[in-house]
Amino acid sequence: MAPAARPSGPLVQIFGTPDSQPTRAALRFFKERRIEIHFVDIRRKPMAAGELRRFVERLGARAVSDEQGKAWKDAGLAYLSMSGPDLADRLLNDQRLLNIPLVRVGNGFAAGRNEAAWKSLVSSAD
């Protein structure tokens, strides 16, 4: 039996949670464009350190963190000033602090609900 043909176009990785409205918006955005999606629920399977490090290196620790979220406020981080590496360690240890969805298309990265960035990722991957 021949393997299933993979749809043409880029493979999109989306890290988020299914109950997050921005994550659902990202899933819908790529599905409407019939782009193959690999969704990772970070509650069931947390991001690997290397994967999170790639997002932080490309976008910066502040862009990858949700500074307006409830988890950020509950952790008391609004009053702390942390360097990039310290913040990256904190994000790895508590992934509720991430600005989801985190989207990766090839070597392109985006954090949070950002349709303009998603369009750019898809057009640059073609």
PDB file of N, CA and C in Angstrom:
ATOM      1  N   MET A   1       0.838  -1.168   0.000  1.00  0.00           N
ATOM      2  CA  MET A   1       0.000   0.000   0.000  1.00  0.00           C
ATOM      3  C   MET A   1       0.888   1.237   0.000  1.00  0.00           C
ATOM      4  N   ALA A   2       0.597   2.169  -0.857  1.00  0.00           N
ATOM      5  CA  ALA A   2       1.399   3.391  -0.981  1.00  0.00           C
ATOM      6  C   ALA A   2       1.088   4.332   0.174  1.00  0.00           C
ATOM      7  N   PRO A   3       2.103   5.076   0.629  1.00  0.00           N
ATOM      8  CA  PRO A   3       1.846   6.030   1.705  1.00  0.00           C
ATOM      9  C   PRO A   3       0.924   7.145   1.210  1.00  0.00           C
ATOM     10  N   ALA A   4       0.195   7.722   2.154  1.00  0.00           N
ATOM     11  CA  ALA A   4      -0.735   8.805   1.808  1.00  0.00           C
ATOM     12  C   ALA A   4       0.049  10.003   1.298  1.00  0.00           C
ATOM     13  N   ALA A   5      -0.477  10.619   0.264  1.00  0.00           N
ATOM     14  CA  ALA A   5       0.180  11.795  -0.297  1.00  0.00           C
ATOM     15  C   ALA A   5       0.014  12.963   0.668  1.00  0.00           C
ATOM     16  N   ARG A   6       1.083  13.679   0.882  1.00  0.00           N
ATOM     17  CA  ARG A   6       1.047  14.837   1.772  1.00  0.00           C
ATOM     18  C   ARG A   6       0.574  16.045   0.965  1.00  0.00           C
ATOM     19  N   PRO A   7      -0.335  16.826   1.522  1.00  0.00           N
ATOM     20  CA  PRO A   7      -0.795  18.004   0.806  1.00  0.00           C
ATOM     21  C   PRO A   7       0.381  18.932   0.509  1.00  0.00           C
ATOM     22  N   SER A   8       0.289  19.607  -0.623  1.00  0.00           N
ATOM     23  CA  SER A   8       1.362  20.528  -0.967  1.00  0.00           C
ATOM     24  C   SER A   8       1.276  21.749  -0.072  1.00  0.00           C
ATOM     25  N   GLY A   9       2.369  22.448   0.045  1.00  0.00           N
ATOM     26  CA  GLY A   9       2.392  23.637   0.880  1.00  0.00           C
ATOM     27  C   GLY A   9       3.141  23.380   2.167  1.00  0.00           C
ATOM     28  N   PRO A  10       3.257  24.409   2.971  1.00  0.00           N
ATOM     29  CA  PRO A  10       4.049  24.303   4.199  1.00  0.00           C
ATOM     30  C   PRO A  10       3.324  23.516   5.284  1.00  0.00           C
ATOM     31  N   LEU A  11       4.091  22.928   6.177  1.00  0.00           N
ATOM     32  CA  LEU A  11       3.540  22.285   7.367  1.00  0.00           C
ATOM     33  C   LEU A  11       3.623  23.306   8.493  1.00  0.00           C
ATOM     34  N   VAL A  12       2.510  23.536   9.145  1.00  0.00           N
ATOM     35  CA  VAL A  12       2.425  24.530  10.209  1.00  0.00           C
ATOM     36  C   VAL A  12       2.344  23.816  11.549  1.00  0.00           C
ATOM     37  N   GLN A  13       3.179  24.227  12.498  1.00  0.00           N
ATOM     38  CA  GLN A  13       3.103  23.724  13.866  1.00  0.00           C
ATOM     39  C   GLN A  13       2.481  24.810  14.717  1.00  0.00           C
ATOM     40  N   ILE A  14       1.436  24.448  15.459  1.00  0.00           N
ATOM     41  CA  ILE A  14       0.770  25.391  16.354  1.00  0.00           C
ATOM     42  C   ILE A  14       0.822  24.830  17.765  1.00  0.00           C
ATOM     43  N   PHE A  15       1.403  25.608  18.678  1.00  0.00           N
ATOM     44  CA  PHE A  15       1.469  25.242  20.088  1.00  0.00           C
ATOM     45  C   PHE A  15       0.462  26.103  20.831  1.00  0.00           C
ATOM     46  N   GLY A  16      -0.438  25.464  21.554  1.00  0.00           N
ATOM     47  CA  GLY A  16      -1.446  26.216  22.289  1.00  0.00           C
ATOM     48  C   GLY A  16      -2.336  25.283  23.070  1.00  0.00           C
ATOM     49  N   THR A  17      -3.510  25.776  23.438  1.00  0.00           N
ATOM     50  CA  THR A  17      -4.494  24.967  24.144  1.00  0.00           C
ATOM     51  C   THR A  17      -5.816  25.043  23.395  1.00  0.00           C
ATOM     52  N   PRO A  18      -6.563  23.942  23.356  1.00  0.00           N
ATOM     53  CA  PRO A  18      -7.798  23.936  22.568  1.00  0.00           C
ATOM     54  C   PRO A  18      -8.878  24.879  23.097  1.00  0.00           C
ATOM     55  N   ASP A  19      -8.821  25.257  24.359  1.00  0.00           N
ATOM     56  CA  ASP A  19      -9.836  26.166  24.896  1.00  0.00           C
ATOM     57  C   ASP A  19      -9.437  27.643  24.788  1.00  0.00           C
ATOM     58  N   SER A  20      -8.297  27.922  24.188  1.00  0.00           N
ATOM     59  CA  SER A  20      -7.831  29.298  24.003  1.00  0.00           C
ATOM     60  C   SER A  20      -8.411  29.880  22.713  1.00  0.00           C
ATOM     61  N   GLN A  21      -9.074  31.019  22.818  1.00  0.00           N
ATOM     62  CA  GLN A  21      -9.677  31.648  21.643  1.00  0.00           C
ATOM     63  C   GLN A  21      -8.624  32.024  20.597  1.00  0.00           C
ATOM     64  N   PRO A  22      -7.468  32.599  20.966  1.00  0.00           N
ATOM     65  CA  PRO A  22      -6.456  32.879  19.948  1.00  0.00           C
ATOM     66  C   PRO A  22      -5.927  31.618  19.257  1.00  0.00           C
ATOM     67  N   THR A  23      -5.808  30.517  19.995  1.00  0.00           N
ATOM     68  CA  THR A  23      -5.360  29.261  19.392  1.00  0.00           C
ATOM     69  C   THR A  23      -6.394  28.761  18.391  1.00  0.00           C
ATOM     70  N   ARG A  24      -7.670  28.821  18.761  1.00  0.00           N
ATOM     71  CA  ARG A  24      -8.729  28.404  17.833  1.00  0.00           C
ATOM     72  C   ARG A  24      -8.731  29.289  16.593  1.00  0.00           C
ATOM     73  N   ALA A  25      -8.442  30.580  16.752  1.00  0.00           N
ATOM     74  CA  ALA A  25      -8.379  31.484  15.602  1.00  0.00           C
ATOM     75  C   ALA A  25      -7.243  31.075  14.657  1.00  0.00           C
ATOM     76  N   ALA A  26      -6.101  30.694  15.223  1.00  0.00           N
ATOM     77  CA  ALA A  26      -4.978  30.253  14.394  1.00  0.00           C
ATOM     78  C   ALA A  26      -5.315  28.964  13.656  1.00  0.00           C
ATOM     79  N   LEU A  27      -5.914  28.015  14.359  1.00  0.00           N
ATOM     80  CA  LEU A  27      -6.310  26.757  13.717  1.00  0.00           C
ATOM     81  C   LEU A  27      -7.281  27.028  12.566  1.00  0.00           C
ATOM     82  N   ARG A  28      -8.250  27.884  12.810  1.00  0.00           N
ATOM     83  CA  ARG A  28      -9.234  28.216  11.778  1.00  0.00           C
ATOM     84  C   ARG A  28      -8.566  28.924  10.592  1.00  0.00           C
ATOM     85  N   PHE A  29      -7.654  29.853  10.878  1.00  0.00           N
ATOM     86  CA  PHE A  29      -6.942  30.598   9.831  1.00  0.00           C
ATOM     87  C   PHE A  29      -6.255  29.647   8.847  1.00  0.00           C
ATOM     88  N   PHE A  30      -5.508  28.678   9.381  1.00  0.00           N
ATOM     89  CA  PHE A  30      -4.756  27.769   8.512  1.00  0.00           C
ATOM     90  C   PHE A  30      -5.662  26.724   7.860  1.00  0.00           C
ATOM     91  N   LYS A  31      -6.691  26.269   8.565  1.00  0.00           N
ATOM     92  CA  LYS A  31      -7.620  25.302   7.971  1.00  0.00           C
ATOM     93  C   LYS A  31      -8.376  25.924   6.807  1.00  0.00           C
ATOM     94  N   GLU A  32      -8.770  27.186   6.930  1.00  0.00           N
ATOM     95  CA  GLU A  32      -9.481  27.863   5.839  1.00  0.00           C
ATOM     96  C   GLU A  32      -8.621  27.943   4.586  1.00  0.00           C
ATOM     97  N   ARG A  33      -7.319  27.951   4.757  1.00  0.00           N
ATOM     98  CA  ARG A  33      -6.386  28.014   3.621  1.00  0.00           C
ATOM     99  C   ARG A  33      -5.907  26.632   3.206  1.00  0.00           C
ATOM    100  N   ARG A  34      -6.503  25.605   3.800  1.00  0.00           N
ATOM    101  CA  ARG A  34      -6.189  24.200   3.503  1.00  0.00           C
ATOM    102  C   ARG A  34      -4.702  23.895   3.628  1.00  0.00           C
ATOM    103  N   ILE A  35      -4.148  24.391   4.729  1.00  0.00           N
ATOM    104  CA  ILE A  35      -2.735  24.164   5.032  1.00  0.00           C
ATOM    105  C   ILE A  35      -2.662  23.103   6.116  1.00  0.00           C
ATOM    106  N   GLU A  36      -1.764  22.150   5.926  1.00  0.00           N
ATOM    107  CA  GLU A  36      -1.614  21.065   6.889  1.00  0.00           C
ATOM    108  C   GLU A  36      -1.118  21.609   8.225  1.00  0.00           C
ATOM    109  N   ILE A  37      -1.779  21.181   9.296  1.00  0.00           N
ATOM    110  CA  ILE A  37      -1.490  21.681  10.636  1.00  0.00           C
ATOM    111  C   ILE A  37      -1.074  20.526  11.536  1.00  0.00           C
ATOM    112  N   HIS A  38      -0.059  20.784  12.333  1.00  0.00           N
ATOM    113  CA  HIS A  38       0.307  19.874  13.415  1.00  0.00           C
ATOM    114  C   HIS A  38       0.080  20.655  14.706  1.00  0.00           C
ATOM    115  N   PHE A  39      -0.979  20.305  15.448  1.00  0.00           N
ATOM    116  CA  PHE A  39      -1.332  21.021  16.671  1.00  0.00           C
ATOM    117  C   PHE A  39      -0.771  20.297  17.878  1.00  0.00           C
ATOM    118  N   VAL A  40      -0.137  21.050  18.784  1.00  0.00           N
ATOM    119  CA  VAL A  40       0.398  20.497  20.020  1.00  0.00           C
ATOM    120  C   VAL A  40      -0.294  21.196  21.184  1.00  0.00           C
ATOM    121  N   ASP A  41      -1.050  20.424  21.964  1.00  0.00           N
ATOM    122  CA  ASP A  41      -1.713  20.936  23.161  1.00  0.00           C
ATOM    123  C   ASP A  41      -0.660  20.978  24.271  1.00  0.00           C
ATOM    124  N   ILE A  42      -0.242  22.181  24.643  1.00  0.00           N
ATOM    125  CA  ILE A  42       0.859  22.305  25.607  1.00  0.00           C
ATOM    126  C   ILE A  42       0.456  21.916  27.026  1.00  0.00           C
ATOM    127  N   ARG A  43      -0.833  21.717  27.269  1.00  0.00           N
ATOM    128  CA  ARG A  43      -1.239  21.197  28.579  1.00  0.00           C
ATOM    129  C   ARG A  43      -0.978  19.706  28.659  1.00  0.00           C
ATOM    130  N   ARG A  44      -1.182  19.015  27.548  1.00  0.00           N
ATOM    131  CA  ARG A  44      -0.978  17.558  27.534  1.00  0.00           C
ATOM    132  C   ARG A  44       0.479  17.209  27.280  1.00  0.00           C
ATOM    133  N   LYS A  45       1.132  17.991  26.424  1.00  0.00           N
ATOM    134  CA  LYS A  45       2.529  17.731  26.088  1.00  0.00           C
ATOM    135  C   LYS A  45       3.263  19.075  26.053  1.00  0.00           C
ATOM    136  N   PRO A  46       3.900  19.455  27.152  1.00  0.00           N
ATOM    137  CA  PRO A  46       4.591  20.746  27.200  1.00  0.00           C
ATOM    138  C   PRO A  46       5.665  20.850  26.116  1.00  0.00           C
ATOM    139  N   MET A  47       5.941  22.093  25.727  1.00  0.00           N
ATOM    140  CA  MET A  47       6.977  22.329  24.712  1.00  0.00           C
ATOM    141  C   MET A  47       8.331  21.872  25.231  1.00  0.00           C
ATOM    142  N   ALA A  48       9.096  21.319  24.343  1.00  0.00           N
ATOM    143  CA  ALA A  48      10.459  20.917  24.693  1.00  0.00           C
ATOM    144  C   ALA A  48      11.317  22.170  24.858  1.00  0.00           C
ATOM    145  N   ALA A  49      12.350  22.055  25.661  1.00  0.00           N
ATOM    146  CA  ALA A  49      13.226  23.199  25.928  1.00  0.00           C
ATOM    147  C   ALA A  49      13.826  23.757  24.643  1.00  0.00           C
ATOM    148  N   GLY A  50      14.264  22.877  23.742  1.00  0.00           N
ATOM    149  CA  GLY A  50      14.866  23.331  22.489  1.00  0.00           C
ATOM    150  C   GLY A  50      13.881  24.075  21.610  1.00  0.00           C
ATOM    151  N   GLU A  51      12.649  23.591  21.556  1.00  0.00           N
ATOM    152  CA  GLU A  51      11.623  24.247  20.741  1.00  0.00           C
ATOM    153  C   GLU A  51      11.306  25.637  21.298  1.00  0.00           C
ATOM    154  N   LEU A  52      11.127  25.729  22.592  1.00  0.00           N
ATOM    155  CA  LEU A  52      10.847  27.031  23.205  1.00  0.00           C
ATOM    156  C   LEU A  52      12.031  27.975  23.027  1.00  0.00           C
ATOM    157  N   ARG A  53      13.235  27.451  23.131  1.00  0.00           N
ATOM    158  CA  ARG A  53      14.439  28.267  22.938  1.00  0.00           C
ATOM    159  C   ARG A  53      14.484  28.863  21.536  1.00  0.00           C
ATOM    160  N   ARG A  54      14.056  28.090  20.520  1.00  0.00           N
ATOM    161  CA  ARG A  54      14.029  28.621  19.146  1.00  0.00           C
ATOM    162  C   ARG A  54      13.074  29.810  19.038  1.00  0.00           C
ATOM    163  N   PHE A  55      11.901  29.707  19.666  1.00  0.00           N
ATOM    164  CA  PHE A  55      10.960  30.830  19.651  1.00  0.00           C
ATOM    165  C   PHE A  55      11.559  32.051  20.344  1.00  0.00           C
ATOM    166  N   VAL A  56      12.199  31.834  21.491  1.00  0.00           N
ATOM    167  CA  VAL A  56      12.784  32.942  22.243  1.00  0.00           C
ATOM    168  C   VAL A  56      13.927  33.581  21.459  1.00  0.00           C
ATOM    169  N   GLU A  57      14.758  32.772  20.802  1.00  0.00           N
ATOM    170  CA  GLU A  57      15.870  33.317  20.014  1.00  0.00           C
ATOM    171  C   GLU A  57      15.369  34.162  18.850  1.00  0.00           C
ATOM    172  N   ARG A  58      14.304  33.721  18.184  1.00  0.00           N
ATOM    173  CA  ARG A  58      13.783  34.440  17.020  1.00  0.00           C
ATOM    174  C   ARG A  58      12.955  35.663  17.392  1.00  0.00           C
ATOM    175  N   LEU A  59      12.103  35.514  18.417  1.00  0.00           N
ATOM    176  CA  LEU A  59      11.130  36.568  18.720  1.00  0.00           C
ATOM    177  C   LEU A  59      11.464  37.384  19.963  1.00  0.00           C
ATOM    178  N   GLY A  60      12.283  36.828  20.840  1.00  0.00           N
ATOM    179  CA  GLY A  60      12.574  37.483  22.111  1.00  0.00           C
ATOM    180  C   GLY A  60      11.669  36.941  23.203  1.00  0.00           C
ATOM    181  N   ALA A  61      12.172  36.907  24.414  1.00  0.00           N
ATOM    182  CA  ALA A  61      11.421  36.331  25.534  1.00  0.00           C
ATOM    183  C   ALA A  61      10.155  37.129  25.832  1.00  0.00           C
ATOM    184  N   ARG A  62      10.204  38.444  25.689  1.00  0.00           N
ATOM    185  CA  ARG A  62       9.025  39.278  25.968  1.00  0.00           C
ATOM    186  C   ARG A  62       7.901  39.009  24.973  1.00  0.00           C
ATOM    187  N   ALA A  63       8.225  38.799  23.707  1.00  0.00           N
ATOM    188  CA  ALA A  63       7.196  38.544  22.687  1.00  0.00           C
ATOM    189  C   ALA A  63       6.525  37.193  22.901  1.00  0.00           C
ATOM    190  N   VAL A  64       7.243  36.246  23.466  1.00  0.00           N
ATOM    191  CA  VAL A  64       6.722  34.902  23.662  1.00  0.00           C
ATOM    192  C   VAL A  64       5.937  34.794  24.980  1.00  0.00           C
ATOM    193  N   SER A  65       6.059  35.800  25.851  1.00  0.00           N
ATOM    194  CA  SER A  65       5.357  35.752  27.132  1.00  0.00           C
ATOM    195  C   SER A  65       4.078  36.589  27.087  1.00  0.00           C
ATOM    196  N   ASP A  66       3.070  36.109  27.805  1.00  0.00           N
ATOM    197  CA  ASP A  66       1.771  36.777  27.869  1.00  0.00           C
ATOM    198  C   ASP A  66       1.737  37.656  29.119  1.00  0.00           C
ATOM    199  N   GLU A  67       2.217  38.879  28.985  1.00  0.00           N
ATOM    200  CA  GLU A  67       2.329  39.778  30.129  1.00  0.00           C
ATOM    201  C   GLU A  67       0.984  40.334  30.576  1.00  0.00           C
ATOM    202  N   GLN A  68      -0.065  40.127  29.789  1.00  0.00           N
ATOM    203  CA  GLN A  68      -1.402  40.607  30.152  1.00  0.00           C
ATOM    204  C   GLN A  68      -2.275  39.496  30.733  1.00  0.00           C
ATOM    205  N   GLY A  69      -1.777  38.280  30.734  1.00  0.00           N
ATOM    206  CA  GLY A  69      -2.578  37.132  31.147  1.00  0.00           C
ATOM    207  C   GLY A  69      -2.723  36.977  32.647  1.00  0.00           C
ATOM    208  N   LYS A  70      -3.710  36.190  33.018  1.00  0.00           N
ATOM    209  CA  LYS A  70      -3.996  35.924  34.425  1.00  0.00           C
ATOM    210  C   LYS A  70      -2.832  35.206  35.111  1.00  0.00           C
ATOM    211  N   ALA A  71      -2.232  34.238  34.440  1.00  0.00           N
ATOM    212  CA  ALA A  71      -1.123  33.486  35.038  1.00  0.00           C
ATOM    213  C   ALA A  71       0.057  34.405  35.340  1.00  0.00           C
ATOM    214  N   TRP A  72       0.296  35.381  34.479  1.00  0.00           N
ATOM    215  CA  TRP A  72       1.398  36.338  34.675  1.00  0.00           C
ATOM    216  C   TRP A  72       1.151  37.161  35.944  1.00  0.00           C
ATOM    217  N   LYS A  73      -0.081  37.645  36.083  1.00  0.00           N
ATOM    218  CA  LYS A  73      -0.426  38.457  37.257  1.00  0.00           C
ATOM    219  C   LYS A  73      -0.425  37.615  38.527  1.00  0.00           C
ATOM    220  N   ASP A  74      -0.965  36.398  38.442  1.00  0.00           N
ATOM    221  CA  ASP A  74      -1.001  35.513  39.607  1.00  0.00           C
ATOM    222  C   ASP A  74       0.397  35.149  40.102  1.00  0.00           C
ATOM    223  N   ALA A  75       1.347  35.072  39.187  1.00  0.00           N
ATOM    224  CA  ALA A  75       2.725  34.739  39.558  1.00  0.00           C
ATOM    225  C   ALA A  75       3.469  35.955  40.099  1.00  0.00           C
ATOM    226  N   GLY A  76       2.852  37.137  40.054  1.00  0.00           N
ATOM    227  CA  GLY A  76       3.485  38.353  40.569  1.00  0.00           C
ATOM    228  C   GLY A  76       4.610  38.864  39.703  1.00  0.00           C
ATOM    229  N   LEU A  77       4.587  38.532  38.421  1.00  0.00           N
ATOM    230  CA  LEU A  77       5.688  38.910  37.531  1.00  0.00           C
ATOM    231  C   LEU A  77       5.595  40.351  37.032  1.00  0.00           C
ATOM    232  N   ALA A  78       4.449  40.988  37.230  1.00  0.00           N
ATOM    233  CA  ALA A  78       4.293  42.372  36.761  1.00  0.00           C
ATOM    234  C   ALA A  78       5.258  43.306  37.478  1.00  0.00           C
ATOM    235  N   TYR A  79       5.698  42.913  38.648  1.00  0.00           N
ATOM    236  CA  TYR A  79       6.552  43.779  39.450  1.00  0.00           C
ATOM    237  C   TYR A  79       8.021  43.388  39.399  1.00  0.00           C
ATOM    238  N   LEU A  80       8.338  42.368  38.641  1.00  0.00           N
ATOM    239  CA  LEU A  80       9.727  41.912  38.531  1.00  0.00           C
ATOM    240  C   LEU A  80      10.325  42.358  37.208  1.00  0.00           C
ATOM    241  N   SER A  81      11.598  42.668  37.218  1.00  0.00           N
ATOM    242  CA  SER A  81      12.290  42.896  35.953  1.00  0.00           C
ATOM    243  C   SER A  81      13.275  41.743  35.801  1.00  0.00           C
ATOM    244  N   MET A  82      13.085  40.994  34.725  1.00  0.00           N
ATOM    245  CA  MET A  82      13.911  39.807  34.491  1.00  0.00           C
ATOM    246  C   MET A  82      14.663  39.963  33.181  1.00  0.00           C
ATOM    247  N   SER A  83      15.848  39.391  33.135  1.00  0.00           N
ATOM    248  CA  SER A  83      16.603  39.370  31.884  1.00  0.00           C
ATOM    249  C   SER A  83      15.994  38.308  30.965  1.00  0.00           C
ATOM    250  N   GLY A  84      16.361  38.338  29.708  1.00  0.00           N
ATOM    251  CA  GLY A  84      15.841  37.382  28.731  1.00  0.00           C
ATOM    252  C   GLY A  84      16.024  35.931  29.138  1.00  0.00           C
ATOM    253  N   PRO A  85      17.242  35.518  29.549  1.00  0.00           N
ATOM    254  CA  PRO A  85      17.436  34.115  29.952  1.00  0.00           C
ATOM    255  C   PRO A  85      16.614  33.720  31.180  1.00  0.00           C
ATOM    256  N   ASP A  86      16.487  34.651  32.146  1.00  0.00           N
ATOM    257  CA  ASP A  86      15.684  34.346  33.330  1.00  0.00           C
ATOM    258  C   ASP A  86      14.221  34.167  32.960  1.00  0.00           C
ATOM    259  N   LEU A  87      13.726  35.030  32.084  1.00  0.00           N
ATOM    260  CA  LEU A  87      12.340  34.940  31.642  1.00  0.00           C
ATOM    261  C   LEU A  87      12.118  33.664  30.832  1.00  0.00           C
ATOM    262  N   ALA A  88      13.076  33.303  29.985  1.00  0.00           N
ATOM    263  CA  ALA A  88      12.965  32.070  29.200  1.00  0.00           C
ATOM    264  C   ALA A  88      12.884  30.853  30.119  1.00  0.00           C
ATOM    265  N   ASP A  89      13.683  30.831  31.182  1.00  0.00           N
ATOM    266  CA  ASP A  89      13.620  29.729  32.150  1.00  0.00           C
ATOM    267  C   ASP A  89      12.261  29.676  32.831  1.00  0.00           C
ATOM    268  N   ARG A  90      11.742  30.839  33.175  1.00  0.00           N
ATOM    269  CA  ARG A  90      10.431  30.907  33.823  1.00  0.00           C
ATOM    270  C   ARG A  90       9.354  30.386  32.879  1.00  0.00           C
ATOM    271  N   LEU A  91       9.443  30.749  31.585  1.00  0.00           N
ATOM    272  CA  LEU A  91       8.465  30.283  30.594  1.00  0.00           C
ATOM    273  C   LEU A  91       8.518  28.771  30.435  1.00  0.00           C
ATOM    274  N   LEU A  92       9.707  28.216  30.451  1.00  0.00           N
ATOM    275  CA  LEU A  92       9.858  26.769  30.316  1.00  0.00           C
ATOM    276  C   LEU A  92       9.252  26.043  31.512  1.00  0.00           C
ATOM    277  N   ASN A  93       9.424  26.603  32.696  1.00  0.00           N
ATOM    278  CA  ASN A  93       8.904  25.974  33.907  1.00  0.00           C
ATOM    279  C   ASN A  93       7.402  26.154  34.086  1.00  0.00           C
ATOM    280  N   ASP A  94       6.834  27.233  33.551  1.00  0.00           N
ATOM    281  CA  ASP A  94       5.399  27.492  33.677  1.00  0.00           C
ATOM    282  C   ASP A  94       4.872  27.956  32.318  1.00  0.00           C
ATOM    283  N   GLN A  95       4.428  27.007  31.513  1.00  0.00           N
ATOM    284  CA  GLN A  95       4.031  27.332  30.147  1.00  0.00           C
ATOM    285  C   GLN A  95       2.669  28.022  30.067  1.00  0.00           C
ATOM    286  N   ARG A  96       2.004  28.218  31.209  1.00  0.00           N
ATOM    287  CA  ARG A  96       0.790  29.032  31.222  1.00  0.00           C
ATOM    288  C   ARG A  96       1.123  30.495  30.946  1.00  0.00           C
ATOM    289  N   LEU A  97       2.403  30.861  31.064  1.00  0.00           N
ATOM    290  CA  LEU A  97       2.847  32.233  30.848  1.00  0.00           C
ATOM    291  C   LEU A  97       3.100  32.554  29.374  1.00  0.00           C
ATOM    292  N   LEU A  98       2.973  31.557  28.500  1.00  0.00           N
ATOM    293  CA  LEU A  98       3.255  31.755  27.084  1.00  0.00           C
ATOM    294  C   LEU A  98       2.152  32.545  26.388  1.00  0.00           C
ATOM    295  N   ASN A  99       2.548  33.341  25.420  1.00  0.00           N
ATOM    296  CA  ASN A  99       1.632  34.103  24.577  1.00  0.00           C
ATOM    297  C   ASN A  99       1.206  33.182  23.431  1.00  0.00           C
ATOM    298  N   ILE A 100       0.163  32.388  23.669  1.00  0.00           N
ATOM    299  CA  ILE A 100      -0.258  31.401  22.681  1.00  0.00           C
ATOM    300  C   ILE A 100      -1.268  32.011  21.721  1.00  0.00           C
ATOM    301  N   PRO A 101      -1.321  31.507  20.533  1.00  0.00           N
ATOM    302  CA  PRO A 101      -0.599  30.356  20.003  1.00  0.00           C
ATOM    303  C   PRO A 101       0.813  30.734  19.565  1.00  0.00           C
ATOM    304  N   LEU A 102       1.699  29.780  19.673  1.00  0.00           N
ATOM    305  CA  LEU A 102       3.029  29.912  19.096  1.00  0.00           C
ATOM    306  C   LEU A 102       2.989  29.132  17.789  1.00  0.00           C
ATOM    307  N   VAL A 103       3.308  29.808  16.694  1.00  0.00           N
ATOM    308  CA  VAL A 103       3.178  29.220  15.357  1.00  0.00           C
ATOM    309  C   VAL A 103       4.551  29.163  14.704  1.00  0.00           C
ATOM    310  N   ARG A 104       4.847  27.997  14.129  1.00  0.00           N
ATOM    311  CA  ARG A 104       6.112  27.836  13.399  1.00  0.00           C
ATOM    312  C   ARG A 104       5.803  27.262  12.025  1.00  0.00           C
ATOM    313  N   VAL A 105       6.347  27.928  11.022  1.00  0.00           N
ATOM    314  CA  VAL A 105       6.258  27.456   9.639  1.00  0.00           C
ATOM    315  C   VAL A 105       7.683  27.462   9.099  1.00  0.00           C
ATOM    316  N   GLY A 106       8.273  26.280   8.964  1.00  0.00           N
ATOM    317  CA  GLY A 106       9.662  26.210   8.519  1.00  0.00           C
ATOM    318  C   GLY A 106      10.564  26.942   9.494  1.00  0.00           C
ATOM    319  N   ASN A 107      11.247  27.978   9.001  1.00  0.00           N
ATOM    320  CA  ASN A 107      12.125  28.773   9.854  1.00  0.00           C
ATOM    321  C   ASN A 107      11.470  30.071  10.303  1.00  0.00           C
ATOM    322  N   GLY A 108      10.169  30.204  10.089  1.00  0.00           N
ATOM    323  CA  GLY A 108       9.440  31.402  10.498  1.00  0.00           C
ATOM    324  C   GLY A 108       8.667  31.152  11.776  1.00  0.00           C
ATOM    325  N   PHE A 109       8.585  32.178  12.617  1.00  0.00           N
ATOM    326  CA  PHE A 109       7.962  32.050  13.927  1.00  0.00           C
ATOM    327  C   PHE A 109       7.021  33.215  14.182  1.00  0.00           C
ATOM    328  N   ALA A 110       5.939  32.958  14.934  1.00  0.00           N
ATOM    329  CA  ALA A 110       5.014  34.008  15.360  1.00  0.00           C
ATOM    330  C   ALA A 110       4.452  33.631  16.720  1.00  0.00           C
ATOM    331  N   ALA A 111       4.144  34.651  17.512  1.00  0.00           N
ATOM    332  CA  ALA A 111       3.573  34.431  18.843  1.00  0.00           C
ATOM    333  C   ALA A 111       2.302  35.251  18.994  1.00  0.00           C
ATOM    334  N   GLY A 112       1.300  34.646  19.613  1.00  0.00           N
ATOM    335  CA  GLY A 112       0.056  35.346  19.863  1.00  0.00           C
ATOM    336  C   GLY A 112      -0.826  35.414  18.632  1.00  0.00           C
ATOM    337  N   ARG A 113      -1.970  36.063  18.800  1.00  0.00           N
ATOM    338  CA  ARG A 113      -2.910  36.204  17.685  1.00  0.00           C
ATOM    339  C   ARG A 113      -2.417  37.326  16.786  1.00  0.00           C
ATOM    340  N   ASN A 114      -1.873  36.946  15.627  1.00  0.00           N
ATOM    341  CA  ASN A 114      -1.257  37.905  14.723  1.00  0.00           C
ATOM    342  C   ASN A 114      -1.442  37.424  13.284  1.00  0.00           C
ATOM    343  N   GLU A 115      -2.598  37.708  12.709  1.00  0.00           N
ATOM    344  CA  GLU A 115      -2.913  37.212  11.371  1.00  0.00           C
ATOM    345  C   GLU A 115      -1.958  37.738  10.311  1.00  0.00           C
ATOM    346  N   ALA A 116      -1.475  38.961  10.463  1.00  0.00           N
ATOM    347  CA  ALA A 116      -0.520  39.501   9.495  1.00  0.00           C
ATOM    348  C   ALA A 116       0.762  38.669   9.482  1.00  0.00           C
ATOM    349  N   ALA A 117       1.226  38.284  10.661  1.00  0.00           N
ATOM    350  CA  ALA A 117       2.432  37.448  10.740  1.00  0.00           C
ATOM    351  C   ALA A 117       2.161  36.075  10.157  1.00  0.00           C
ATOM    352  N   TRP A 118       0.965  35.514  10.402  1.00  0.00           N
ATOM    353  CA  TRP A 118       0.638  34.194   9.856  1.00  0.00           C
ATOM    354  C   TRP A 118       0.627  34.239   8.332  1.00  0.00           C
ATOM    355  N   LYS A 119       0.053  35.287   7.760  1.00  0.00           N
ATOM    356  CA  LYS A 119       0.033  35.431   6.296  1.00  0.00           C
ATOM    357  C   LYS A 119       1.449  35.514   5.758  1.00  0.00           C
ATOM    358  N   SER A 120       2.283  36.265   6.422  1.00  0.00           N
ATOM    359  CA  SER A 120       3.676  36.410   6.012  1.00  0.00           C
ATOM    360  C   SER A 120       4.405  35.066   6.097  1.00  0.00           C
ATOM    361  N   LEU A 121       4.163  34.293   7.149  1.00  0.00           N
ATOM    362  CA  LEU A 121       4.806  32.986   7.292  1.00  0.00           C
ATOM    363  C   LEU A 121       4.416  32.056   6.147  1.00  0.00           C
ATOM    364  N   VAL A 122       3.130  32.056   5.811  1.00  0.00           N
ATOM    365  CA  VAL A 122       2.638  31.176   4.757  1.00  0.00           C
ATOM    366  C   VAL A 122       3.183  31.608   3.391  1.00  0.00           C
ATOM    367  N   SER A 123       3.201  32.894   3.128  1.00  0.00           N
ATOM    368  CA  SER A 123       3.667  33.362   1.823  1.00  0.00           C
ATOM    369  C   SER A 123       5.174  33.172   1.668  1.00  0.00           C
ATOM    370  N   SER A 124       5.928  33.298   2.759  1.00  0.00           N
ATOM    371  CA  SER A 124       7.374  33.103   2.657  1.00  0.00           C
ATOM    372  C   SER A 124       7.754  31.632   2.568  1.00  0.00           C
ATOM    373  N   ALA A 125       6.864  30.726   3.021  1.00  0.00           N
ATOM    374  CA  ALA A 125       7.164  29.295   2.988  1.00  0.00           C
ATOM    375  C   ALA A 125       6.835  28.675   1.636  1.00  0.00           C
ATOM    376  N   ASP A 126       6.017  29.344   0.833  1.00  0.00           N
ATOM    377  CA  ASP A 126       5.653  28.778  -0.472  1.00  0.00           C
ATOM    378  C   ASP A 126       6.792  28.787  -1.453  1.00  0.00           C
TER     379      ASP A 126
END
